[in-house]
Amino acid sequence: EAEWEYAYRAGTTTALYNGDLAVCTSIDTNASAIGWYYDNSSAEDQRVAMKAPNAWGLYDMAGNVWEWCHDYYEVDLGASPKTDPVGTDIDGRRGMRGGSYYGYAEEMRAAFRRGHDPTSTYYVGGVRCVRSKWGKRKPSAAVIATA
């Protein structure tokens, strides 16, 4: 989850990677510029890369489908700062980040998180393929964004 949030924020500190969120449960200008959620998607998934990418060129970090994270989901991370907590396997749930076309704008915030059982057929979840090492040739940001 920490790696996902780092990639989402792309050096920003605001609720969304393009600024603050003004409206949580209806149309929000900043949220609409970067992702699909209930109030702008007709409650349907949308084609990828149709909204603005973050500063690192990553598309669809917010909205459209929840992104699965490898970490186990912990409901309460506590008040003290943590560096890349991986959670403990209490009930098998994994972290999900980013929000979806079937949720509200507030779920697209960088810090919003939820957990779900990865063996279920959760219809608004997806994955983002990521490689930590690229070998001899590192692809451009555009290639990474479409992976």
C-alpha atoms as a PDB file:
ATOM      1  CA  GLU A   1       0.000   0.000   0.000  1.00  0.00           C
ATOM      2  CA  ALA A   2       2.842   2.398   0.770  1.00  0.00           C
ATOM      3  CA  GLU A   3       4.293   1.882  -2.705  1.00  0.00           C
ATOM      4  CA  TRP A   4       0.894   2.461  -4.273  1.00  0.00           C
ATOM      5  CA  GLU A   5       0.413   5.699  -2.326  1.00  0.00           C
ATOM      6  CA  TYR A   6       3.908   6.873  -3.249  1.00  0.00           C
ATOM      7  CA  ALA A   7       3.165   6.286  -6.945  1.00  0.00           C
ATOM      8  CA  TYR A   8      -0.263   7.940  -6.654  1.00  0.00           C
ATOM      9  CA  ARG A   9       1.019  11.078  -4.955  1.00  0.00           C
ATOM     10  CA  ALA A  10       3.969  11.558  -7.347  1.00  0.00           C
ATOM     11  CA  GLY A  11       5.488  14.087  -4.945  1.00  0.00           C
ATOM     12  CA  THR A  12       2.240  15.838  -3.958  1.00  0.00           C
ATOM     13  CA  THR A  13       0.774  16.212  -0.463  1.00  0.00           C
ATOM     14  CA  THR A  14      -2.849  17.056  -1.290  1.00  0.00           C
ATOM     15  CA  ALA A  15      -5.845  14.730  -1.042  1.00  0.00           C
ATOM     16  CA  LEU A  16      -5.792  14.100  -4.794  1.00  0.00           C
ATOM     17  CA  TYR A  17      -2.680  14.200  -6.938  1.00  0.00           C
ATOM     18  CA  ASN A  18      -4.025  17.296  -8.696  1.00  0.00           C
ATOM     19  CA  GLY A  19      -5.149  19.245  -5.621  1.00  0.00           C
ATOM     20  CA  ASP A  20      -7.675  19.225  -2.831  1.00  0.00           C
ATOM     21  CA  LEU A  21     -11.080  17.602  -2.823  1.00  0.00           C
ATOM     22  CA  ALA A  22     -13.919  20.107  -2.322  1.00  0.00           C
ATOM     23  CA  VAL A  23     -16.988  17.855  -2.571  1.00  0.00           C
ATOM     24  CA  CYS A  24     -17.009  14.262  -1.303  1.00  0.00           C
ATOM     25  CA  THR A  25     -20.377  12.913  -2.437  1.00  0.00           C
ATOM     26  CA  SER A  26     -21.142  14.594  -5.777  1.00  0.00           C
ATOM     27  CA  ILE A  27     -19.330  16.121  -8.756  1.00  0.00           C
ATOM     28  CA  ASP A  28     -15.910  17.514  -7.780  1.00  0.00           C
ATOM     29  CA  THR A  29     -13.834  19.401 -10.379  1.00  0.00           C
ATOM     30  CA  ASN A  30     -10.453  18.019  -9.290  1.00  0.00           C
ATOM     31  CA  ALA A  31     -11.722  14.450  -8.908  1.00  0.00           C
ATOM     32  CA  SER A  32     -13.449  14.583 -12.300  1.00  0.00           C
ATOM     33  CA  ALA A  33     -10.237  15.736 -13.982  1.00  0.00           C
ATOM     34  CA  ILE A  34      -8.282  12.647 -12.910  1.00  0.00           C
ATOM     35  CA  GLY A  35     -10.710   9.752 -12.516  1.00  0.00           C
ATOM     36  CA  TRP A  36     -14.060   8.066 -12.880  1.00  0.00           C
ATOM     37  CA  TYR A  37     -16.390   7.729  -9.903  1.00  0.00           C
ATOM     38  CA  TYR A  38     -20.117   7.312  -9.360  1.00  0.00           C
ATOM     39  CA  ASP A  39     -21.121  10.885 -10.136  1.00  0.00           C
ATOM     40  CA  ASN A  40     -19.285  11.138 -13.478  1.00  0.00           C
ATOM     41  CA  SER A  41     -19.127   7.558 -14.790  1.00  0.00           C
ATOM     42  CA  SER A  42     -22.784   6.551 -15.216  1.00  0.00           C
ATOM     43  CA  ALA A  43     -21.864   3.785 -12.723  1.00  0.00           C
ATOM     44  CA  GLU A  44     -19.880   1.926 -15.403  1.00  0.00           C
ATOM     45  CA  ASP A  45     -16.184   1.235 -15.853  1.00  0.00           C
ATOM     46  CA  GLN A  46     -14.482   3.413 -18.458  1.00  0.00           C
ATOM     47  CA  ARG A  47     -11.631   3.145 -20.947  1.00  0.00           C
ATOM     48  CA  VAL A  48      -8.212   3.748 -19.437  1.00  0.00           C
ATOM     49  CA  ALA A  49      -6.091   6.895 -19.932  1.00  0.00           C
ATOM     50  CA  MET A  50      -9.106   9.147 -20.583  1.00  0.00           C
ATOM     51  CA  LYS A  51      -8.363  11.419 -17.613  1.00  0.00           C
ATOM     52  CA  ALA A  52      -5.279  13.431 -16.638  1.00  0.00           C
ATOM     53  CA  PRO A  53      -2.227  11.461 -15.432  1.00  0.00           C
ATOM     54  CA  ASN A  54      -0.266  12.356 -12.318  1.00  0.00           C
ATOM     55  CA  ALA A  55       3.063  14.240 -12.419  1.00  0.00           C
ATOM     56  CA  TRP A  56       4.924  10.998 -13.178  1.00  0.00           C
ATOM     57  CA  GLY A  57       2.709  10.169 -16.157  1.00  0.00           C
ATOM     58  CA  LEU A  58       0.712   7.432 -14.417  1.00  0.00           C
ATOM     59  CA  TYR A  59      -2.909   7.247 -15.565  1.00  0.00           C
ATOM     60  CA  ASP A  60      -5.914   5.955 -13.648  1.00  0.00           C
ATOM     61  CA  MET A  61      -4.388   6.016 -10.186  1.00  0.00           C
ATOM     62  CA  ALA A  62      -7.727   7.448  -9.021  1.00  0.00           C
ATOM     63  CA  GLY A  63     -11.144   6.007  -9.773  1.00  0.00           C
ATOM     64  CA  ASN A  64     -12.399   3.555 -12.391  1.00  0.00           C
ATOM     65  CA  VAL A  65     -11.407   0.354 -10.523  1.00  0.00           C
ATOM     66  CA  TRP A  66      -9.963  -0.283  -7.081  1.00  0.00           C
ATOM     67  CA  GLU A  67      -6.362  -1.446  -7.320  1.00  0.00           C
ATOM     68  CA  TRP A  68      -5.306  -4.476  -5.331  1.00  0.00           C
ATOM     69  CA  CYS A  69      -2.208  -4.130  -3.191  1.00  0.00           C
ATOM     70  CA  HIS A  70      -0.014  -7.012  -2.093  1.00  0.00           C
ATOM     71  CA  ASP A  71      -0.119  -5.981   1.589  1.00  0.00           C
ATOM     72  CA  TYR A  72      -2.506  -7.493   4.079  1.00  0.00           C
ATOM     73  CA  TYR A  73      -5.132  -4.989   5.168  1.00  0.00           C
ATOM     74  CA  GLU A  74      -4.945  -3.566   8.669  1.00  0.00           C
ATOM     75  CA  VAL A  75      -7.993  -1.567   9.687  1.00  0.00           C
ATOM     76  CA  ASP A  76      -6.052   0.677  12.061  1.00  0.00           C
ATOM     77  CA  LEU A  77      -2.477   1.618  11.197  1.00  0.00           C
ATOM     78  CA  GLY A  78      -2.185   3.598  14.446  1.00  0.00           C
ATOM     79  CA  ALA A  79      -1.212   7.211  14.997  1.00  0.00           C
ATOM     80  CA  SER A  80       2.568   6.921  14.731  1.00  0.00           C
ATOM     81  CA  PRO A  81       4.261   7.085  11.310  1.00  0.00           C
ATOM     82  CA  LYS A  82       5.091   3.775   9.676  1.00  0.00           C
ATOM     83  CA  THR A  83       7.399   2.952   6.801  1.00  0.00           C
ATOM     84  CA  ASP A  84       5.843   0.479   4.366  1.00  0.00           C
ATOM     85  CA  PRO A  85       3.720  -1.606   6.781  1.00  0.00           C
ATOM     86  CA  VAL A  86       2.776  -4.945   5.195  1.00  0.00           C
ATOM     87  CA  GLY A  87       0.088  -5.874   7.697  1.00  0.00           C
ATOM     88  CA  THR A  88      -0.636  -9.241   9.241  1.00  0.00           C
ATOM     89  CA  ASP A  89      -2.822 -12.002   7.888  1.00  0.00           C
ATOM     90  CA  ILE A  90      -5.709 -11.862  10.335  1.00  0.00           C
ATOM     91  CA  ASP A  91      -8.583 -12.587   7.970  1.00  0.00           C
ATOM     92  CA  GLY A  92      -6.897 -12.794   4.545  1.00  0.00           C
ATOM     93  CA  ARG A  93      -7.983  -9.365   3.327  1.00  0.00           C
ATOM     94  CA  ARG A  94      -5.622  -7.380   1.098  1.00  0.00           C
ATOM     95  CA  GLY A  95      -5.433  -3.626   0.718  1.00  0.00           C
ATOM     96  CA  MET A  96      -7.256  -1.856  -2.083  1.00  0.00           C
ATOM     97  CA  ARG A  97      -6.595   1.733  -3.128  1.00  0.00           C
ATOM     98  CA  GLY A  98      -7.766   4.387  -5.558  1.00  0.00           C
ATOM     99  CA  GLY A  99     -11.547   4.216  -5.560  1.00  0.00           C
ATOM    100  CA  SER A 100     -13.824   3.068  -8.358  1.00  0.00           C
ATOM    101  CA  TYR A 101     -16.496   4.066 -10.835  1.00  0.00           C
ATOM    102  CA  TYR A 102     -19.063   2.836  -8.326  1.00  0.00           C
ATOM    103  CA  GLY A 103     -17.877   4.899  -5.343  1.00  0.00           C
ATOM    104  CA  TYR A 104     -17.796   8.523  -4.249  1.00  0.00           C
ATOM    105  CA  ALA A 105     -15.082  11.076  -4.995  1.00  0.00           C
ATOM    106  CA  GLU A 106     -13.764  10.865  -1.410  1.00  0.00           C
ATOM    107  CA  GLU A 107     -12.652   7.275  -2.080  1.00  0.00           C
ATOM    108  CA  MET A 108     -10.194   8.598  -4.688  1.00  0.00           C
ATOM    109  CA  ARG A 109      -8.113  10.407  -2.027  1.00  0.00           C
ATOM    110  CA  ALA A 110      -4.473   9.294  -1.770  1.00  0.00           C
ATOM    111  CA  ALA A 111      -4.933   8.153   1.836  1.00  0.00           C
ATOM    112  CA  PHE A 112      -8.298   6.386   1.413  1.00  0.00           C
ATOM    113  CA  ARG A 113      -7.984   2.643   1.815  1.00  0.00           C
ATOM    114  CA  ARG A 114     -10.069  -0.467   2.239  1.00  0.00           C
ATOM    115  CA  GLY A 115      -9.577  -4.196   2.452  1.00  0.00           C
ATOM    116  CA  HIS A 116     -11.213  -7.067   0.651  1.00  0.00           C
ATOM    117  CA  ASP A 117     -10.859 -10.826   0.302  1.00  0.00           C
ATOM    118  CA  PRO A 118      -8.739 -11.464  -2.816  1.00  0.00           C
ATOM    119  CA  THR A 119     -10.469 -14.797  -3.510  1.00  0.00           C
ATOM    120  CA  SER A 120     -13.822 -13.107  -4.114  1.00  0.00           C
ATOM    121  CA  THR A 121     -15.006 -11.824  -7.472  1.00  0.00           C
ATOM    122  CA  TYR A 122     -15.086  -8.177  -6.482  1.00  0.00           C
ATOM    123  CA  TYR A 123     -16.454  -6.539  -9.640  1.00  0.00           C
ATOM    124  CA  VAL A 124     -14.844  -3.104  -9.155  1.00  0.00           C
ATOM    125  CA  GLY A 125     -11.308  -4.313  -8.457  1.00  0.00           C
ATOM    126  CA  GLY A 126      -8.320  -4.548 -10.769  1.00  0.00           C
ATOM    127  CA  VAL A 127      -4.560  -4.796 -10.824  1.00  0.00           C
ATOM    128  CA  ARG A 128      -1.720  -2.594 -12.008  1.00  0.00           C
ATOM    129  CA  CYS A 129       1.251  -4.547 -13.307  1.00  0.00           C
ATOM    130  CA  VAL A 130       4.475  -3.189 -11.847  1.00  0.00           C
ATOM    131  CA  ARG A 131       8.099  -4.277 -12.124  1.00  0.00           C
ATOM    132  CA  SER A 132      10.654  -3.100  -9.630  1.00  0.00           C
ATOM    133  CA  LYS A 133      13.664  -3.822 -11.890  1.00  0.00           C
ATOM    134  CA  TRP A 134      13.814  -3.147 -15.630  1.00  0.00           C
ATOM    135  CA  GLY A 135      17.083  -4.857 -16.524  1.00  0.00           C
ATOM    136  CA  LYS A 136      19.314  -3.000 -18.944  1.00  0.00           C
ATOM    137  CA  ARG A 137      16.704  -0.684 -20.423  1.00  0.00           C
ATOM    138  CA  LYS A 138      14.297   1.389 -18.341  1.00  0.00           C
ATOM    139  CA  PRO A 139      11.110   2.218 -20.301  1.00  0.00           C
ATOM    140  CA  SER A 140       9.762   5.736 -20.614  1.00  0.00           C
ATOM    141  CA  ALA A 141       6.994   7.046 -18.322  1.00  0.00           C
ATOM    142  CA  ALA A 142       4.496   6.551 -21.155  1.00  0.00           C
ATOM    143  CA  VAL A 143       5.305   2.829 -21.306  1.00  0.00           C
ATOM    144  CA  ILE A 144       5.051   2.457 -17.536  1.00  0.00           C
ATOM    145  CA  ALA A 145       1.693   4.259 -17.548  1.00  0.00           C
ATOM    146  CA  THR A 146       0.179   1.821 -20.037  1.00  0.00           C
ATOM    147  CA  ALA A 147       1.413  -1.313 -18.274  1.00  0.00           C
END
